[in-house]
Amino acid sequence: MPNALHHQAVPGMVSSVVYRTASSPALPAVEEETAPPRGPLLPGPGETTLLIVQFPPDSVYASPHFDGAAAGQETYDFAPDFASRFEADAPGVHTTDSIDYDIVLDGEVWLELDDETVHLRTGDVVVQNGTRHAWRNQGSRPATMAFVLIGASRG
């Protein structure tokens, strides 16, 4: 995929913006790249984004060699609109103005919400409606997820 980042600062993490649509897509779809590198990741109201992410185990972040500042800069360089949504005092926690269909393709992840943590396995699906959350991989191997983000407006 042209818009994929194999994170150097977070070994084992891969982020791929696969496809984006406009708020009123036309058919047949145009053949030009809809998710170019350094383009936006977050969709505006009515727009969509398909994102595939491979999360390494959390042990990668606990390594004495992990450089949080470098990881943050790398994410910002890849998708500044998304990186700006992360909370400075709560690593990985973010909120987006979107309805998200989150699908675990492989492995296990833990969805951390304000009032609970949900353990998800291959095949599980979660729908989020602009919630504050973080993804954690407390397992011992990478986990891969697909995210369909549908841009929304907050009321």
N, C-alpha and C. Protein backbone atom coordinates (compact mmCIF):
# COMPACT_ATOMS: atom_id res chain seq x y z
N MET A 1 0.83 -1.17 0.00
CA MET A 1 0.00 0.00 0.00
C MET A 1 0.88 1.24 0.00
N PRO A 2 0.54 2.20 -0.82
CA PRO A 2 1.37 3.41 -0.90
C PRO A 2 1.43 4.19 0.40
N ASN A 3 0.36 4.13 1.21
CA ASN A 3 0.32 4.91 2.44
C ASN A 3 0.42 3.99 3.65
N ALA A 4 1.59 3.37 3.79
CA ALA A 4 1.84 2.48 4.92
C ALA A 4 3.10 2.94 5.63
N LEU A 5 3.07 2.83 6.94
CA LEU A 5 4.23 3.17 7.75
C LEU A 5 4.63 1.95 8.57
N HIS A 6 5.83 1.46 8.32
CA HIS A 6 6.43 0.42 9.17
C HIS A 6 7.24 1.20 10.20
N HIS A 7 6.65 1.38 11.36
CA HIS A 7 7.23 2.24 12.39
C HIS A 7 8.63 1.78 12.78
N GLN A 8 9.58 2.68 12.68
CA GLN A 8 10.95 2.37 13.11
C GLN A 8 11.08 2.51 14.62
N ALA A 9 10.37 3.48 15.19
CA ALA A 9 10.47 3.74 16.62
C ALA A 9 9.63 2.78 17.46
N VAL A 10 8.70 2.06 16.81
CA VAL A 10 7.87 1.07 17.51
C VAL A 10 7.97 -0.22 16.70
N PRO A 11 9.01 -1.03 16.95
CA PRO A 11 9.19 -2.25 16.17
C PRO A 11 7.95 -3.15 16.20
N GLY A 12 7.56 -3.60 15.01
CA GLY A 12 6.40 -4.47 14.89
C GLY A 12 5.10 -3.75 14.62
N MET A 13 5.11 -2.41 14.68
CA MET A 13 3.88 -1.66 14.41
C MET A 13 3.85 -1.23 12.95
N VAL A 14 2.70 -1.47 12.33
CA VAL A 14 2.49 -1.07 10.93
C VAL A 14 1.14 -0.38 10.85
N SER A 15 1.11 0.81 10.24
CA SER A 15 -0.14 1.55 10.03
C SER A 15 -0.32 1.75 8.54
N SER A 16 -1.49 1.37 8.02
CA SER A 16 -1.74 1.48 6.58
C SER A 16 -3.10 2.13 6.34
N VAL A 17 -3.08 3.31 5.73
CA VAL A 17 -4.33 3.94 5.31
C VAL A 17 -4.62 3.36 3.93
N VAL A 18 -5.62 2.49 3.85
CA VAL A 18 -5.88 1.72 2.64
C VAL A 18 -6.72 2.48 1.63
N TYR A 19 -7.79 3.14 2.12
CA TYR A 19 -8.73 3.77 1.19
C TYR A 19 -9.50 4.85 1.92
N ARG A 20 -9.87 5.88 1.19
CA ARG A 20 -10.69 6.97 1.73
C ARG A 20 -11.78 7.29 0.71
N THR A 21 -12.94 7.72 1.21
CA THR A 21 -13.99 8.18 0.31
C THR A 21 -14.41 9.58 0.70
N ALA A 22 -14.95 10.30 -0.28
CA ALA A 22 -15.52 11.62 -0.04
C ALA A 22 -16.87 11.46 0.64
N SER A 23 -17.46 12.56 1.06
CA SER A 23 -18.75 12.49 1.76
C SER A 23 -19.87 11.99 0.85
N SER A 24 -19.75 12.22 -0.44
CA SER A 24 -20.72 11.70 -1.41
C SER A 24 -19.95 11.06 -2.56
N PRO A 25 -19.44 9.84 -2.36
CA PRO A 25 -18.63 9.23 -3.42
C PRO A 25 -19.46 8.94 -4.66
N ALA A 26 -18.81 9.06 -5.80
CA ALA A 26 -19.47 8.80 -7.08
C ALA A 26 -19.02 7.45 -7.62
N LEU A 27 -19.91 6.79 -8.32
CA LEU A 27 -19.60 5.52 -8.96
C LEU A 27 -19.69 5.67 -10.47
N PRO A 28 -18.86 5.03 -11.24
CA PRO A 28 -17.76 4.19 -10.75
C PRO A 28 -16.67 5.04 -10.10
N ALA A 29 -15.99 4.43 -9.15
CA ALA A 29 -14.92 5.12 -8.44
C ALA A 29 -13.78 5.45 -9.39
N VAL A 30 -13.14 6.58 -9.15
CA VAL A 30 -11.99 6.98 -9.96
C VAL A 30 -10.82 6.07 -9.66
N GLU A 31 -9.90 5.98 -10.56
CA GLU A 31 -8.75 5.09 -10.40
C GLU A 31 -7.57 5.75 -9.71
N GLU A 32 -7.67 7.02 -9.36
CA GLU A 32 -6.54 7.68 -8.72
C GLU A 32 -6.43 7.27 -7.25
N GLU A 33 -5.27 7.48 -6.68
CA GLU A 33 -5.01 7.11 -5.29
C GLU A 33 -5.91 7.91 -4.35
N THR A 34 -6.67 7.22 -3.50
CA THR A 34 -7.57 7.91 -2.57
C THR A 34 -6.95 8.13 -1.20
N ALA A 35 -5.84 7.49 -0.94
CA ALA A 35 -5.18 7.61 0.36
C ALA A 35 -3.69 7.83 0.15
N PRO A 36 -3.32 8.98 -0.41
CA PRO A 36 -1.90 9.22 -0.70
C PRO A 36 -1.09 9.41 0.58
N PRO A 37 0.20 9.12 0.54
CA PRO A 37 1.06 9.36 1.69
C PRO A 37 0.97 10.81 2.14
N ARG A 38 1.01 10.99 3.45
CA ARG A 38 0.93 12.31 4.11
C ARG A 38 -0.42 12.98 3.90
N GLY A 39 -1.39 12.24 3.39
CA GLY A 39 -2.75 12.77 3.30
C GLY A 39 -3.43 12.63 4.64
N PRO A 40 -4.64 13.14 4.76
CA PRO A 40 -5.33 13.00 6.04
C PRO A 40 -5.69 11.56 6.35
N LEU A 41 -5.71 11.24 7.61
CA LEU A 41 -6.17 9.92 8.04
C LEU A 41 -7.62 10.02 8.51
N LEU A 42 -7.92 11.06 9.27
CA LEU A 42 -9.26 11.21 9.83
C LEU A 42 -10.24 11.73 8.78
N PRO A 43 -11.41 11.10 8.70
CA PRO A 43 -12.41 11.55 7.73
C PRO A 43 -13.21 12.73 8.26
N GLY A 44 -13.59 13.63 7.33
CA GLY A 44 -14.52 14.69 7.69
C GLY A 44 -15.93 14.12 7.73
N PRO A 45 -16.91 14.91 8.14
CA PRO A 45 -18.29 14.41 8.22
C PRO A 45 -18.74 13.74 6.91
N GLY A 46 -19.20 12.50 7.04
CA GLY A 46 -19.68 11.75 5.89
C GLY A 46 -18.60 11.04 5.08
N GLU A 47 -17.35 11.38 5.29
CA GLU A 47 -16.24 10.72 4.61
C GLU A 47 -15.89 9.43 5.34
N THR A 48 -15.12 8.56 4.69
CA THR A 48 -14.70 7.32 5.35
C THR A 48 -13.20 7.10 5.15
N THR A 49 -12.64 6.33 6.07
CA THR A 49 -11.25 5.89 5.98
C THR A 49 -11.20 4.42 6.37
N LEU A 50 -10.49 3.63 5.57
CA LEU A 50 -10.20 2.24 5.92
C LEU A 50 -8.74 2.18 6.33
N LEU A 51 -8.51 1.71 7.55
CA LEU A 51 -7.18 1.69 8.14
C LEU A 51 -6.90 0.29 8.67
N ILE A 52 -5.71 -0.24 8.38
CA ILE A 52 -5.26 -1.52 8.94
C ILE A 52 -4.05 -1.21 9.82
N VAL A 53 -4.08 -1.72 11.05
CA VAL A 53 -2.96 -1.48 11.97
C VAL A 53 -2.54 -2.81 12.60
N GLN A 54 -1.24 -3.02 12.62
CA GLN A 54 -0.67 -4.14 13.36
C GLN A 54 -0.05 -3.55 14.63
N PHE A 55 -0.53 -4.03 15.77
CA PHE A 55 -0.04 -3.57 17.07
C PHE A 55 0.94 -4.58 17.63
N PRO A 56 2.15 -4.15 17.98
CA PRO A 56 3.07 -5.08 18.64
C PRO A 56 2.63 -5.28 20.09
N PRO A 57 3.16 -6.28 20.76
CA PRO A 57 2.86 -6.43 22.18
C PRO A 57 3.30 -5.19 22.96
N ASP A 58 2.60 -4.91 24.05
CA ASP A 58 2.94 -3.75 24.89
C ASP A 58 4.36 -3.80 25.42
N SER A 59 4.95 -4.99 25.46
CA SER A 59 6.33 -5.12 25.96
C SER A 59 7.30 -4.28 25.14
N VAL A 60 6.96 -3.98 23.88
CA VAL A 60 7.82 -3.13 23.04
C VAL A 60 7.95 -1.74 23.67
N TYR A 61 6.84 -1.24 24.22
CA TYR A 61 6.84 0.10 24.83
C TYR A 61 7.56 0.11 26.17
N ALA A 62 7.65 -1.04 26.82
CA ALA A 62 8.31 -1.14 28.11
C ALA A 62 9.82 -1.35 27.99
N SER A 63 10.29 -1.57 26.76
CA SER A 63 11.72 -1.80 26.54
C SER A 63 12.53 -0.57 26.95
N PRO A 64 13.70 -0.76 27.55
CA PRO A 64 14.54 0.38 27.89
C PRO A 64 15.03 1.15 26.65
N HIS A 65 14.91 0.53 25.48
CA HIS A 65 15.34 1.17 24.24
C HIS A 65 14.22 1.97 23.57
N PHE A 66 13.01 1.88 24.11
CA PHE A 66 11.88 2.59 23.51
C PHE A 66 12.03 4.09 23.71
N ASP A 67 11.87 4.84 22.61
CA ASP A 67 11.98 6.29 22.61
C ASP A 67 10.60 6.87 22.30
N GLY A 68 9.87 7.24 23.33
CA GLY A 68 8.52 7.76 23.16
C GLY A 68 8.44 9.00 22.31
N ALA A 69 9.42 9.90 22.44
CA ALA A 69 9.42 11.13 21.63
C ALA A 69 9.59 10.79 20.15
N ALA A 70 10.47 9.85 19.84
CA ALA A 70 10.67 9.45 18.44
C ALA A 70 9.42 8.78 17.89
N ALA A 71 8.77 7.96 18.71
CA ALA A 71 7.54 7.30 18.27
C ALA A 71 6.45 8.33 17.98
N GLY A 72 6.32 9.31 18.86
CA GLY A 72 5.33 10.37 18.65
C GLY A 72 5.61 11.17 17.40
N GLN A 73 6.86 11.50 17.15
CA GLN A 73 7.22 12.27 15.96
C GLN A 73 6.95 11.47 14.69
N GLU A 74 7.27 10.20 14.74
CA GLU A 74 7.02 9.34 13.58
C GLU A 74 5.53 9.28 13.25
N THR A 75 4.70 9.14 14.27
CA THR A 75 3.25 9.12 14.05
C THR A 75 2.78 10.47 13.53
N TYR A 76 3.31 11.55 14.07
CA TYR A 76 2.94 12.89 13.61
C TYR A 76 3.33 13.09 12.15
N ASP A 77 4.51 12.64 11.77
CA ASP A 77 4.95 12.78 10.38
C ASP A 77 4.06 11.99 9.42
N PHE A 78 3.56 10.85 9.87
CA PHE A 78 2.72 9.99 9.04
C PHE A 78 1.30 10.55 8.92
N ALA A 79 0.73 10.96 10.04
CA ALA A 79 -0.68 11.40 10.06
C ALA A 79 -0.86 12.48 11.13
N PRO A 80 -0.48 13.72 10.81
CA PRO A 80 -0.55 14.78 11.83
C PRO A 80 -1.96 15.01 12.37
N ASP A 81 -2.98 14.84 11.52
CA ASP A 81 -4.35 15.06 12.01
C ASP A 81 -4.73 14.04 13.08
N PHE A 82 -4.27 12.81 12.92
CA PHE A 82 -4.55 11.77 13.90
C PHE A 82 -3.66 11.93 15.13
N ALA A 83 -2.38 12.17 14.92
CA ALA A 83 -1.43 12.29 16.04
C ALA A 83 -1.84 13.41 16.99
N SER A 84 -2.45 14.45 16.46
CA SER A 84 -2.85 15.58 17.31
C SER A 84 -3.99 15.22 18.25
N ARG A 85 -4.63 14.08 18.06
CA ARG A 85 -5.75 13.64 18.90
C ARG A 85 -5.30 12.86 20.14
N PHE A 86 -4.02 12.50 20.21
CA PHE A 86 -3.52 11.76 21.35
C PHE A 86 -3.32 12.69 22.55
N GLU A 87 -3.68 12.21 23.73
CA GLU A 87 -3.55 13.00 24.94
C GLU A 87 -2.11 12.94 25.45
N ALA A 88 -1.55 14.09 25.74
CA ALA A 88 -0.15 14.17 26.16
C ALA A 88 0.12 13.43 27.46
N ASP A 89 -0.83 13.43 28.39
CA ASP A 89 -0.60 12.83 29.69
C ASP A 89 -1.17 11.41 29.83
N ALA A 90 -1.67 10.84 28.70
CA ALA A 90 -2.22 9.49 28.73
C ALA A 90 -1.82 8.78 27.43
N PRO A 91 -0.66 8.11 27.42
CA PRO A 91 -0.15 7.50 26.19
C PRO A 91 -1.18 6.60 25.50
N GLY A 92 -1.35 6.83 24.20
CA GLY A 92 -2.24 6.01 23.39
C GLY A 92 -3.70 6.40 23.44
N VAL A 93 -4.09 7.22 24.41
CA VAL A 93 -5.49 7.60 24.56
C VAL A 93 -5.82 8.71 23.57
N HIS A 94 -6.95 8.53 22.87
CA HIS A 94 -7.36 9.50 21.86
C HIS A 94 -8.88 9.47 21.67
N THR A 95 -9.39 10.51 21.03
CA THR A 95 -10.80 10.64 20.69
C THR A 95 -10.88 11.20 19.29
N THR A 96 -11.74 10.63 18.46
CA THR A 96 -11.93 11.15 17.11
C THR A 96 -13.40 11.45 16.89
N ASP A 97 -13.67 12.35 15.97
CA ASP A 97 -15.04 12.68 15.60
C ASP A 97 -15.49 11.73 14.49
N SER A 98 -15.70 10.48 14.90
CA SER A 98 -16.07 9.46 13.93
C SER A 98 -16.81 8.30 14.60
N ILE A 99 -17.56 7.60 13.79
CA ILE A 99 -18.13 6.31 14.17
C ILE A 99 -17.16 5.29 13.59
N ASP A 100 -16.67 4.40 14.44
CA ASP A 100 -15.62 3.47 14.02
C ASP A 100 -16.12 2.04 14.11
N TYR A 101 -15.94 1.28 13.03
CA TYR A 101 -16.16 -0.16 13.03
C TYR A 101 -14.78 -0.77 13.19
N ASP A 102 -14.52 -1.40 14.32
CA ASP A 102 -13.21 -1.93 14.67
C ASP A 102 -13.27 -3.46 14.66
N ILE A 103 -12.45 -4.08 13.82
CA ILE A 103 -12.51 -5.52 13.61
C ILE A 103 -11.14 -6.14 13.92
N VAL A 104 -11.12 -7.10 14.82
CA VAL A 104 -9.87 -7.80 15.13
C VAL A 104 -9.67 -8.87 14.06
N LEU A 105 -8.67 -8.68 13.21
CA LEU A 105 -8.38 -9.64 12.15
C LEU A 105 -7.54 -10.81 12.64
N ASP A 106 -6.62 -10.52 13.58
CA ASP A 106 -5.73 -11.57 14.08
C ASP A 106 -5.20 -11.16 15.44
N GLY A 107 -5.16 -12.10 16.35
CA GLY A 107 -4.57 -11.84 17.66
C GLY A 107 -5.58 -11.38 18.68
N GLU A 108 -5.04 -10.73 19.72
CA GLU A 108 -5.86 -10.23 20.82
C GLU A 108 -5.48 -8.79 21.12
N VAL A 109 -6.47 -7.98 21.45
CA VAL A 109 -6.24 -6.60 21.88
C VAL A 109 -7.16 -6.29 23.05
N TRP A 110 -6.80 -5.26 23.76
CA TRP A 110 -7.60 -4.79 24.88
C TRP A 110 -8.00 -3.35 24.57
N LEU A 111 -9.30 -3.11 24.55
CA LEU A 111 -9.85 -1.78 24.32
C LEU A 111 -10.04 -1.12 25.68
N GLU A 112 -9.26 -0.07 25.92
CA GLU A 112 -9.31 0.63 27.19
C GLU A 112 -10.24 1.83 27.04
N LEU A 113 -11.31 1.83 27.81
CA LEU A 113 -12.28 2.92 27.84
C LEU A 113 -12.19 3.63 29.18
N ASP A 114 -12.95 4.70 29.37
CA ASP A 114 -12.90 5.43 30.63
C ASP A 114 -13.30 4.59 31.83
N ASP A 115 -14.29 3.70 31.64
CA ASP A 115 -14.83 2.97 32.78
C ASP A 115 -14.66 1.45 32.72
N GLU A 116 -14.01 0.95 31.68
CA GLU A 116 -13.78 -0.50 31.59
C GLU A 116 -12.72 -0.79 30.54
N THR A 117 -12.20 -2.01 30.59
CA THR A 117 -11.29 -2.52 29.58
C THR A 117 -11.90 -3.79 29.04
N VAL A 118 -11.97 -3.88 27.71
CA VAL A 118 -12.62 -5.01 27.04
C VAL A 118 -11.56 -5.82 26.29
N HIS A 119 -11.50 -7.13 26.57
CA HIS A 119 -10.56 -8.03 25.92
C HIS A 119 -11.21 -8.55 24.63
N LEU A 120 -10.57 -8.32 23.50
CA LEU A 120 -11.10 -8.73 22.20
C LEU A 120 -10.16 -9.72 21.53
N ARG A 121 -10.77 -10.66 20.80
CA ARG A 121 -10.00 -11.70 20.10
C ARG A 121 -10.35 -11.71 18.62
N THR A 122 -9.59 -12.48 17.85
CA THR A 122 -9.81 -12.60 16.41
C THR A 122 -11.30 -12.79 16.11
N GLY A 123 -11.80 -11.96 15.19
CA GLY A 123 -13.19 -12.03 14.78
C GLY A 123 -14.13 -11.11 15.54
N ASP A 124 -13.68 -10.56 16.66
CA ASP A 124 -14.54 -9.65 17.42
C ASP A 124 -14.66 -8.31 16.71
N VAL A 125 -15.81 -7.68 16.90
CA VAL A 125 -16.09 -6.38 16.29
C VAL A 125 -16.63 -5.45 17.37
N VAL A 126 -16.16 -4.22 17.35
CA VAL A 126 -16.63 -3.18 18.27
C VAL A 126 -17.03 -1.98 17.42
N VAL A 127 -18.12 -1.33 17.78
CA VAL A 127 -18.51 -0.08 17.14
C VAL A 127 -18.36 1.01 18.19
N GLN A 128 -17.58 2.02 17.85
CA GLN A 128 -17.37 3.14 18.77
C GLN A 128 -18.00 4.39 18.17
N ASN A 129 -18.54 5.20 19.04
CA ASN A 129 -19.19 6.44 18.62
C ASN A 129 -18.49 7.64 19.24
N GLY A 130 -17.30 7.93 18.75
CA GLY A 130 -16.56 9.09 19.23
C GLY A 130 -16.09 8.97 20.66
N THR A 131 -15.86 7.74 21.13
CA THR A 131 -15.46 7.54 22.52
C THR A 131 -13.97 7.78 22.73
N ARG A 132 -13.63 8.16 23.94
CA ARG A 132 -12.24 8.30 24.37
C ARG A 132 -11.75 6.89 24.67
N HIS A 133 -10.60 6.51 24.06
CA HIS A 133 -10.14 5.13 24.20
C HIS A 133 -8.66 4.98 23.85
N ALA A 134 -8.15 3.78 24.12
CA ALA A 134 -6.80 3.39 23.71
C ALA A 134 -6.82 1.91 23.39
N TRP A 135 -5.92 1.50 22.52
CA TRP A 135 -5.75 0.09 22.17
C TRP A 135 -4.48 -0.41 22.83
N ARG A 136 -4.57 -1.55 23.50
CA ARG A 136 -3.42 -2.16 24.15
C ARG A 136 -3.29 -3.60 23.68
N ASN A 137 -2.06 -4.05 23.53
CA ASN A 137 -1.82 -5.45 23.19
C ASN A 137 -1.05 -6.07 24.34
N GLN A 138 -1.76 -6.65 25.27
CA GLN A 138 -1.15 -7.26 26.45
C GLN A 138 -0.68 -8.68 26.18
N GLY A 139 -0.85 -9.14 24.95
CA GLY A 139 -0.45 -10.49 24.58
C GLY A 139 1.04 -10.57 24.27
N SER A 140 1.43 -11.70 23.72
CA SER A 140 2.85 -11.94 23.45
C SER A 140 3.18 -11.89 21.95
N ARG A 141 2.16 -11.67 21.09
CA ARG A 141 2.42 -11.59 19.65
C ARG A 141 1.63 -10.44 19.05
N PRO A 142 2.00 -9.99 17.86
CA PRO A 142 1.28 -8.86 17.25
C PRO A 142 -0.20 -9.16 17.05
N ALA A 143 -0.98 -8.11 17.03
CA ALA A 143 -2.42 -8.18 16.75
C ALA A 143 -2.70 -7.25 15.58
N THR A 144 -3.56 -7.69 14.67
CA THR A 144 -3.89 -6.89 13.50
C THR A 144 -5.37 -6.54 13.52
N MET A 145 -5.66 -5.26 13.28
CA MET A 145 -7.04 -4.78 13.28
C MET A 145 -7.34 -3.99 12.02
N ALA A 146 -8.60 -4.03 11.61
CA ALA A 146 -9.12 -3.17 10.55
C ALA A 146 -10.06 -2.17 11.20
N PHE A 147 -9.96 -0.93 10.78
CA PHE A 147 -10.80 0.15 11.28
C PHE A 147 -11.48 0.83 10.10
N VAL A 148 -12.80 0.93 10.15
CA VAL A 148 -13.54 1.75 9.19
C VAL A 148 -14.02 2.95 9.97
N LEU A 149 -13.48 4.11 9.65
CA LEU A 149 -13.86 5.35 10.33
C LEU A 149 -14.83 6.11 9.45
N ILE A 150 -15.96 6.51 10.01
CA ILE A 150 -16.96 7.30 9.29
C ILE A 150 -17.02 8.65 9.99
N GLY A 151 -16.63 9.69 9.28
CA GLY A 151 -16.58 11.03 9.88
C GLY A 151 -17.96 11.49 10.34
N ALA A 152 -17.99 12.11 11.50
CA ALA A 152 -19.24 12.57 12.09
C ALA A 152 -19.05 13.96 12.70
N SER A 153 -20.15 14.61 12.99
CA SER A 153 -20.12 15.91 13.67
C SER A 153 -20.64 15.71 15.08
N ARG A 154 -19.99 16.36 16.01
CA ARG A 154 -20.46 16.30 17.41
C ARG A 154 -21.62 17.26 17.58
N GLY A 155 -22.65 16.79 18.27
CA GLY A 155 -23.85 17.58 18.49
C GLY A 155 -23.75 18.52 19.65
